[in-house]
Structure formats: structure tokens, C-alpha cells
């Protein structure tokens, strides 16, 4: 709970698939084609998610906003 004098920071909502695109391309340093294959999506869809996610993260960093990670369309696959 935020103290009465403080209000929670404005937040940007990063979808799970946007975060995964950023993780694979920017953090794991995969090529976009390989990242798209791992996510089971087209390269065009990966690019759209990557661009959208990067813009939201940049907005949060530049404008002091919180980042919420929620929503999107995804399936969790267990690996052995």
C-alpha cells in the first residue's frame, strides 16, 4: 500500500510475448529468425512484438514509469 502522500508511479504494460522477444533477441543475442522459431511465430510477428516491447521499456526508463508484465497470448511449454 502506498503512503497517502505518495501515489504509485504510472506504469507501462509489457505483454509476455513482448518480454520474451526482448529476452531472446537483446539478452540471449539470438538472431530474429532463430528467436521467432523458438517462439513458434513468424519473423514479422516477432519484429512487431520486439518493436512494441522496446518502445514500452524505453518509455518506462525515460519517463520514470513502472513496468508491469502481464497479458498477451502465450503457451507455457515444459522442457526436460
PDB file of N, CA and C in Angstrom:
ATOM      1  N   UNK A   1       0.849  -1.179   0.000  1.00  0.00           N
ATOM      2  CA  UNK A   1       0.000   0.000   0.000  1.00  0.00           C
ATOM      3  C   UNK A   1       0.889   1.234   0.000  1.00  0.00           C
ATOM      4  N   UNK A   2       0.565   2.181  -0.838  1.00  0.00           N
ATOM      5  CA  UNK A   2       1.337   3.414  -0.938  1.00  0.00           C
ATOM      6  C   UNK A   2       0.921   4.375   0.165  1.00  0.00           C
ATOM      7  N   UNK A   3       1.888   5.061   0.803  1.00  0.00           N
ATOM      8  CA  UNK A   3       1.546   6.071   1.811  1.00  0.00           C
ATOM      9  C   UNK A   3       0.635   7.132   1.197  1.00  0.00           C
ATOM     10  N   UNK A   4      -0.240   7.774   2.014  1.00  0.00           N
ATOM     11  CA  UNK A   4      -1.188   8.750   1.483  1.00  0.00           C
ATOM     12  C   UNK A   4      -0.545   9.861   0.658  1.00  0.00           C
ATOM     13  N   UNK A   5       0.656  10.287   1.024  1.00  0.00           N
ATOM     14  CA  UNK A   5       1.308  11.388   0.320  1.00  0.00           C
ATOM     15  C   UNK A   5       1.904  10.954  -1.011  1.00  0.00           C
ATOM     16  N   UNK A   6       2.013   9.640  -1.209  1.00  0.00           N
ATOM     17  CA  UNK A   6       2.614   9.131  -2.442  1.00  0.00           C
ATOM     18  C   UNK A   6       1.558   8.398  -3.263  1.00  0.00           C
ATOM     19  N   UNK A   7       1.694   8.463  -4.531  1.00  0.00           N
ATOM     20  CA  UNK A   7       0.831   7.669  -5.389  1.00  0.00           C
ATOM     21  C   UNK A   7       1.716   6.730  -6.190  1.00  0.00           C
ATOM     22  N   UNK A   8       1.181   5.592  -6.596  1.00  0.00           N
ATOM     23  CA  UNK A   8       2.016   4.675  -7.374  1.00  0.00           C
ATOM     24  C   UNK A   8       2.431   5.310  -8.689  1.00  0.00           C
ATOM     25  N   UNK A   9       3.617   4.966  -9.168  1.00  0.00           N
ATOM     26  CA  UNK A   9       4.046   5.543 -10.448  1.00  0.00           C
ATOM     27  C   UNK A   9       3.166   5.041 -11.583  1.00  0.00           C
ATOM     28  N   UNK A  10       3.063   5.848 -12.603  1.00  0.00           N
ATOM     29  CA  UNK A  10       2.377   5.409 -13.812  1.00  0.00           C
ATOM     30  C   UNK A  10       3.133   4.186 -14.335  1.00  0.00           C
ATOM     31  N   UNK A  11       2.421   3.275 -14.957  1.00  0.00           N
ATOM     32  CA  UNK A  11       3.063   2.041 -15.419  1.00  0.00           C
ATOM     33  C   UNK A  11       2.799   1.805 -16.900  1.00  0.00           C
ATOM     34  N   UNK A  12       3.733   1.103 -17.523  1.00  0.00           N
ATOM     35  CA  UNK A  12       3.523   0.602 -18.872  1.00  0.00           C
ATOM     36  C   UNK A  12       3.309  -0.904 -18.760  1.00  0.00           C
ATOM     37  N   UNK A  13       2.468  -1.445 -19.598  1.00  0.00           N
ATOM     38  CA  UNK A  13       2.174  -2.872 -19.580  1.00  0.00           C
ATOM     39  C   UNK A  13       2.914  -3.568 -20.718  1.00  0.00           C
ATOM     40  N   UNK A  14       3.879  -4.402 -20.364  1.00  0.00           N
ATOM     41  CA  UNK A  14       4.624  -5.187 -21.342  1.00  0.00           C
ATOM     42  C   UNK A  14       4.010  -6.584 -21.362  1.00  0.00           C
ATOM     43  N   UNK A  15       3.553  -7.020 -22.529  1.00  0.00           N
ATOM     44  CA  UNK A  15       2.958  -8.342 -22.668  1.00  0.00           C
ATOM     45  C   UNK A  15       4.046  -9.412 -22.613  1.00  0.00           C
ATOM     46  N   UNK A  16       3.640 -10.610 -22.215  1.00  0.00           N
ATOM     47  CA  UNK A  16       4.579 -11.724 -22.090  1.00  0.00           C
ATOM     48  C   UNK A  16       5.347 -11.960 -23.388  1.00  0.00           C
ATOM     49  N   UNK A  17       4.666 -11.926 -24.529  1.00  0.00           N
ATOM     50  CA  UNK A  17       5.362 -12.190 -25.790  1.00  0.00           C
ATOM     51  C   UNK A  17       6.333 -11.073 -26.152  1.00  0.00           C
ATOM     52  N   UNK A  18       6.047  -9.845 -25.738  1.00  0.00           N
ATOM     53  CA  UNK A  18       6.991  -8.742 -25.968  1.00  0.00           C
ATOM     54  C   UNK A  18       8.240  -8.946 -25.118  1.00  0.00           C
ATOM     55  N   UNK A  19       8.034  -9.353 -23.863  1.00  0.00           N
ATOM     56  CA  UNK A  19       9.170  -9.615 -22.978  1.00  0.00           C
ATOM     57  C   UNK A  19      10.020 -10.760 -23.506  1.00  0.00           C
ATOM     58  N   UNK A  20       9.374 -11.821 -23.979  1.00  0.00           N
ATOM     59  CA  UNK A  20      10.125 -12.965 -24.496  1.00  0.00           C
ATOM     60  C   UNK A  20      10.916 -12.581 -25.746  1.00  0.00           C
ATOM     61  N   UNK A  21      10.343 -11.766 -26.611  1.00  0.00           N
ATOM     62  CA  UNK A  21      11.063 -11.303 -27.801  1.00  0.00           C
ATOM     63  C   UNK A  21      12.296 -10.493 -27.389  1.00  0.00           C
ATOM     64  N   UNK A  22      12.143  -9.602 -26.421  1.00  0.00           N
ATOM     65  CA  UNK A  22      13.270  -8.810 -25.926  1.00  0.00           C
ATOM     66  C   UNK A  22      14.322  -9.720 -25.295  1.00  0.00           C
ATOM     67  N   UNK A  23      13.875 -10.690 -24.508  1.00  0.00           N
ATOM     68  CA  UNK A  23      14.814 -11.608 -23.843  1.00  0.00           C
ATOM     69  C   UNK A  23      15.640 -12.380 -24.865  1.00  0.00           C
ATOM     70  N   UNK A  24      14.978 -12.938 -25.865  1.00  0.00           N
ATOM     71  CA  UNK A  24      15.689 -13.756 -26.842  1.00  0.00           C
ATOM     72  C   UNK A  24      16.625 -12.943 -27.727  1.00  0.00           C
ATOM     73  N   UNK A  25      16.179 -11.793 -28.195  1.00  0.00           N
ATOM     74  CA  UNK A  25      16.986 -11.001 -29.135  1.00  0.00           C
ATOM     75  C   UNK A  25      18.024 -10.141 -28.418  1.00  0.00           C
ATOM     76  N   UNK A  26      17.608  -9.420 -27.391  1.00  0.00           N
ATOM     77  CA  UNK A  26      18.523  -8.473 -26.746  1.00  0.00           C
ATOM     78  C   UNK A  26      19.363  -9.109 -25.632  1.00  0.00           C
ATOM     79  N   UNK A  27      18.780 -10.030 -24.873  1.00  0.00           N
ATOM     80  CA  UNK A  27      19.516 -10.622 -23.747  1.00  0.00           C
ATOM     81  C   UNK A  27      20.276 -11.878 -24.172  1.00  0.00           C
ATOM     82  N   UNK A  28      19.589 -12.783 -24.880  1.00  0.00           N
ATOM     83  CA  UNK A  28      20.239 -14.020 -25.332  1.00  0.00           C
ATOM     84  C   UNK A  28      21.027 -13.816 -26.630  1.00  0.00           C
ATOM     85  N   UNK A  29      20.838 -12.675 -27.278  1.00  0.00           N
ATOM     86  CA  UNK A  29      21.532 -12.298 -28.509  1.00  0.00           C
ATOM     87  C   UNK A  29      21.309 -13.263 -29.664  1.00  0.00           C
ATOM     88  N   UNK A  30      20.077 -13.762 -29.780  1.00  0.00           N
ATOM     89  CA  UNK A  30      19.729 -14.614 -30.910  1.00  0.00           C
ATOM     90  C   UNK A  30      19.378 -13.744 -32.111  1.00  0.00           C
ATOM     91  N   UNK A  31      19.575 -14.284 -33.295  1.00  0.00           N
ATOM     92  CA  UNK A  31      19.099 -13.622 -34.498  1.00  0.00           C
ATOM     93  C   UNK A  31      17.578 -13.659 -34.472  1.00  0.00           C
ATOM     94  N   UNK A  32      16.941 -12.695 -35.132  1.00  0.00           N
ATOM     95  CA  UNK A  32      15.488 -12.635 -35.109  1.00  0.00           C
ATOM     96  C   UNK A  32      14.841 -13.896 -35.671  1.00  0.00           C
ATOM     97  N   UNK A  33      15.408 -14.456 -36.699  1.00  0.00           N
ATOM     98  CA  UNK A  33      14.849 -15.672 -37.294  1.00  0.00           C
ATOM     99  C   UNK A  33      14.852 -16.822 -36.286  1.00  0.00           C
ATOM    100  N   UNK A  34      15.947 -16.988 -35.555  1.00  0.00           N
ATOM    101  CA  UNK A  34      16.051 -18.048 -34.544  1.00  0.00           C
ATOM    102  C   UNK A  34      15.092 -17.776 -33.380  1.00  0.00           C
ATOM    103  N   UNK A  35      14.998 -16.525 -32.947  1.00  0.00           N
ATOM    104  CA  UNK A  35      14.084 -16.171 -31.865  1.00  0.00           C
ATOM    105  C   UNK A  35      12.639 -16.450 -32.261  1.00  0.00           C
ATOM    106  N   UNK A  36      12.278 -16.101 -33.482  1.00  0.00           N
ATOM    107  CA  UNK A  36      10.920 -16.350 -33.966  1.00  0.00           C
ATOM    108  C   UNK A  36      10.634 -17.848 -34.000  1.00  0.00           C
ATOM    109  N   UNK A  37      11.614 -18.636 -34.438  1.00  0.00           N
ATOM    110  CA  UNK A  37      11.453 -20.087 -34.474  1.00  0.00           C
ATOM    111  C   UNK A  37      11.230 -20.645 -33.077  1.00  0.00           C
ATOM    112  N   UNK A  38      12.023 -20.178 -32.110  1.00  0.00           N
ATOM    113  CA  UNK A  38      11.871 -20.648 -30.729  1.00  0.00           C
ATOM    114  C   UNK A  38      10.512 -20.289 -30.152  1.00  0.00           C
ATOM    115  N   UNK A  39       9.983 -19.134 -30.558  1.00  0.00           N
ATOM    116  CA  UNK A  39       8.675 -18.708 -30.054  1.00  0.00           C
ATOM    117  C   UNK A  39       7.520 -19.313 -30.857  1.00  0.00           C
ATOM    118  N   UNK A  40       7.832 -19.916 -32.006  1.00  0.00           N
ATOM    119  CA  UNK A  40       6.801 -20.515 -32.831  1.00  0.00           C
ATOM    120  C   UNK A  40       5.938 -19.489 -33.549  1.00  0.00           C
ATOM    121  N   UNK A  41       6.565 -18.364 -33.926  1.00  0.00           N
ATOM    122  CA  UNK A  41       5.848 -17.283 -34.604  1.00  0.00           C
ATOM    123  C   UNK A  41       6.635 -16.862 -35.839  1.00  0.00           C
ATOM    124  N   UNK A  42       6.013 -16.051 -36.680  1.00  0.00           N
ATOM    125  CA  UNK A  42       6.714 -15.557 -37.865  1.00  0.00           C
ATOM    126  C   UNK A  42       7.723 -14.472 -37.466  1.00  0.00           C
ATOM    127  N   UNK A  43       8.672 -14.238 -38.342  1.00  0.00           N
ATOM    128  CA  UNK A  43       9.650 -13.177 -38.091  1.00  0.00           C
ATOM    129  C   UNK A  43       8.966 -11.821 -38.031  1.00  0.00           C
ATOM    130  N   UNK A  44       7.959 -11.631 -38.845  1.00  0.00           N
ATOM    131  CA  UNK A  44       7.218 -10.366 -38.849  1.00  0.00           C
ATOM    132  C   UNK A  44       6.528 -10.143 -37.506  1.00  0.00           C
ATOM    133  N   UNK A  45       5.923 -11.187 -36.953  1.00  0.00           N
ATOM    134  CA  UNK A  45       5.265 -11.076 -35.649  1.00  0.00           C
ATOM    135  C   UNK A  45       6.291 -10.818 -34.549  1.00  0.00           C
ATOM    136  N   UNK A  46       7.437 -11.504 -34.624  1.00  0.00           N
ATOM    137  CA  UNK A  46       8.498 -11.269 -33.648  1.00  0.00           C
ATOM    138  C   UNK A  46       8.933  -9.805 -33.703  1.00  0.00           C
ATOM    139  N   UNK A  47       9.150  -9.290 -34.905  1.00  0.00           N
ATOM    140  CA  UNK A  47       9.595  -7.907 -35.053  1.00  0.00           C
ATOM    141  C   UNK A  47       8.579  -6.940 -34.452  1.00  0.00           C
ATOM    142  N   UNK A  48       7.303  -7.195 -34.681  1.00  0.00           N
ATOM    143  CA  UNK A  48       6.239  -6.340 -34.154  1.00  0.00           C
ATOM    144  C   UNK A  48       6.257  -6.372 -32.615  1.00  0.00           C
ATOM    145  N   UNK A  49       6.380  -7.563 -32.025  1.00  0.00           N
ATOM    146  CA  UNK A  49       6.437  -7.689 -30.562  1.00  0.00           C
ATOM    147  C   UNK A  49       7.695  -7.032 -30.001  1.00  0.00           C
ATOM    148  N   UNK A  50       8.816  -7.236 -30.672  1.00  0.00           N
ATOM    149  CA  UNK A  50      10.090  -6.668 -30.235  1.00  0.00           C
ATOM    150  C   UNK A  50      10.042  -5.141 -30.258  1.00  0.00           C
ATOM    151  N   UNK A  51       9.559  -4.588 -31.353  1.00  0.00           N
ATOM    152  CA  UNK A  51       9.467  -3.134 -31.501  1.00  0.00           C
ATOM    153  C   UNK A  51       8.544  -2.530 -30.443  1.00  0.00           C
ATOM    154  N   UNK A  52       7.393  -3.142 -30.242  1.00  0.00           N
ATOM    155  CA  UNK A  52       6.427  -2.656 -29.262  1.00  0.00           C
ATOM    156  C   UNK A  52       6.990  -2.748 -27.842  1.00  0.00           C
ATOM    157  N   UNK A  53       7.599  -3.888 -27.515  1.00  0.00           N
ATOM    158  CA  UNK A  53       8.174  -4.074 -26.183  1.00  0.00           C
ATOM    159  C   UNK A  53       9.309  -3.109 -25.899  1.00  0.00           C
ATOM    160  N   UNK A  54      10.189  -2.925 -26.869  1.00  0.00           N
ATOM    161  CA  UNK A  54      11.314  -1.993 -26.693  1.00  0.00           C
ATOM    162  C   UNK A  54      10.816  -0.569 -26.463  1.00  0.00           C
ATOM    163  N   UNK A  55       9.783  -0.159 -27.204  1.00  0.00           N
ATOM    164  CA  UNK A  55       9.238   1.191 -27.057  1.00  0.00           C
ATOM    165  C   UNK A  55       8.667   1.389 -25.648  1.00  0.00           C
ATOM    166  N   UNK A  56       7.964   0.375 -25.144  1.00  0.00           N
ATOM    167  CA  UNK A  56       7.379   0.459 -23.803  1.00  0.00           C
ATOM    168  C   UNK A  56       8.468   0.532 -22.722  1.00  0.00           C
ATOM    169  N   UNK A  57       9.501  -0.290 -22.857  1.00  0.00           N
ATOM    170  CA  UNK A  57      10.599  -0.276 -21.886  1.00  0.00           C
ATOM    171  C   UNK A  57      11.326   1.069 -21.940  1.00  0.00           C
ATOM    172  N   UNK A  58      11.567   1.594 -23.127  1.00  0.00           N
ATOM    173  CA  UNK A  58      12.224   2.902 -23.266  1.00  0.00           C
ATOM    174  C   UNK A  58      11.375   3.993 -22.620  1.00  0.00           C
ATOM    175  N   UNK A  59      10.068   3.960 -22.831  1.00  0.00           N
ATOM    176  CA  UNK A  59       9.157   4.927 -22.219  1.00  0.00           C
ATOM    177  C   UNK A  59       9.270   4.869 -20.694  1.00  0.00           C
ATOM    178  N   UNK A  60       9.279   3.655 -20.145  1.00  0.00           N
ATOM    179  CA  UNK A  60       9.388   3.498 -18.692  1.00  0.00           C
ATOM    180  C   UNK A  60      10.715   4.042 -18.173  1.00  0.00           C
ATOM    181  N   UNK A  61      11.812   3.733 -18.842  1.00  0.00           N
ATOM    182  CA  UNK A  61      13.130   4.194 -18.395  1.00  0.00           C
ATOM    183  C   UNK A  61      13.270   5.713 -18.501  1.00  0.00           C
ATOM    184  N   UNK A  62      12.818   6.268 -19.590  1.00  0.00           N
ATOM    185  CA  UNK A  62      12.979   7.704 -19.825  1.00  0.00           C
ATOM    186  C   UNK A  62      12.042   8.536 -18.953  1.00  0.00           C
ATOM    187  N   UNK A  63      10.827   8.033 -18.739  1.00  0.00           N
ATOM    188  CA  UNK A  63       9.818   8.813 -18.016  1.00  0.00           C
ATOM    189  C   UNK A  63       9.561   8.347 -16.592  1.00  0.00           C
ATOM    190  N   UNK A  64      10.403   7.463 -16.073  1.00  0.00           N
ATOM    191  CA  UNK A  64      10.290   7.034 -14.678  1.00  0.00           C
ATOM    192  C   UNK A  64       9.020   6.260 -14.371  1.00  0.00           C
ATOM    193  N   UNK A  65       8.567   5.465 -15.320  1.00  0.00           N
ATOM    194  CA  UNK A  65       7.351   4.679 -15.120  1.00  0.00           C
ATOM    195  C   UNK A  65       7.699   3.270 -14.656  1.00  0.00           C
ATOM    196  N   UNK A  66       6.761   2.647 -13.976  1.00  0.00           N
ATOM    197  CA  UNK A  66       6.913   1.255 -13.585  1.00  0.00           C
ATOM    198  C   UNK A  66       6.654   0.377 -14.806  1.00  0.00           C
ATOM    199  N   UNK A  67       7.145  -0.857 -14.759  1.00  0.00           N
ATOM    200  CA  UNK A  67       6.896  -1.814 -15.830  1.00  0.00           C
ATOM    201  C   UNK A  67       6.084  -2.964 -15.243  1.00  0.00           C
ATOM    202  N   UNK A  68       4.894  -3.182 -15.803  1.00  0.00           N
ATOM    203  CA  UNK A  68       4.060  -4.323 -15.421  1.00  0.00           C
ATOM    204  C   UNK A  68       4.167  -5.349 -16.538  1.00  0.00           C
ATOM    205  N   UNK A  69       4.329  -6.602 -16.161  1.00  0.00           N
ATOM    206  CA  UNK A  69       4.405  -7.674 -17.147  1.00  0.00           C
ATOM    207  C   UNK A  69       3.160  -8.521 -16.972  1.00  0.00           C
ATOM    208  N   UNK A  70       2.256  -8.395 -17.933  1.00  0.00           N
ATOM    209  CA  UNK A  70       1.010  -9.166 -17.852  1.00  0.00           C
ATOM    210  C   UNK A  70       0.320  -9.155 -19.202  1.00  0.00           C
ATOM    211  N   UNK A  71      -0.548 -10.132 -19.360  1.00  0.00           N
ATOM    212  CA  UNK A  71      -1.347 -10.193 -20.579  1.00  0.00           C
ATOM    213  C   UNK A  71      -0.614 -10.823 -21.733  1.00  0.00           C
ATOM    214  N   UNK A  72      -1.287 -10.823 -22.851  1.00  0.00           N
ATOM    215  CA  UNK A  72      -0.719 -11.387 -24.057  1.00  0.00           C
ATOM    216  C   UNK A  72      -1.289 -12.759 -24.349  1.00  0.00           C
ATOM    217  N   UNK A  73      -0.792 -13.361 -25.380  1.00  0.00           N
ATOM    218  CA  UNK A  73      -1.247 -14.673 -25.816  1.00  0.00           C
ATOM    219  C   UNK A  73      -0.044 -15.599 -25.851  1.00  0.00           C
ATOM    220  N   UNK A  74      -0.032 -16.610 -24.990  1.00  0.00           N
ATOM    221  CA  UNK A  74       1.129 -17.475 -24.901  1.00  0.00           C
ATOM    222  C   UNK A  74       0.760 -18.844 -24.366  1.00  0.00           C
ATOM    223  N   UNK A  75       1.636 -19.805 -24.584  1.00  0.00           N
ATOM    224  CA  UNK A  75       1.520 -21.152 -24.051  1.00  0.00           C
ATOM    225  C   UNK A  75       2.825 -21.484 -23.362  1.00  0.00           C
ATOM    226  N   UNK A  76       2.730 -22.050 -22.171  1.00  0.00           N
ATOM    227  CA  UNK A  76       3.942 -22.444 -21.441  1.00  0.00           C
ATOM    228  C   UNK A  76       4.242 -23.900 -21.790  1.00  0.00           C
ATOM    229  N   UNK A  77       5.484 -24.145 -22.217  1.00  0.00           N
ATOM    230  CA  UNK A  77       5.919 -25.481 -22.582  1.00  0.00           C
ATOM    231  C   UNK A  77       6.991 -25.916 -21.596  1.00  0.00           C
ATOM    232  N   UNK A  78       6.773 -27.056 -20.936  1.00  0.00           N
ATOM    233  CA  UNK A  78       7.785 -27.572 -20.006  1.00  0.00           C
ATOM    234  C   UNK A  78       8.874 -28.280 -20.767  1.00  0.00           C
ATOM    235  N   UNK A  79      10.104 -27.985 -20.404  1.00  0.00           N
ATOM    236  CA  UNK A  79      11.258 -28.649 -21.027  1.00  0.00           C
ATOM    237  C   UNK A  79      11.871 -29.594 -20.011  1.00  0.00           C
ATOM    238  N   UNK A  80      12.497 -30.634 -20.505  1.00  0.00           N
ATOM    239  CA  UNK A  80      13.163 -31.581 -19.608  1.00  0.00           C
ATOM    240  C   UNK A  80      14.592 -31.214 -19.412  1.00  0.00           C
TER     241      UNK A  80
END
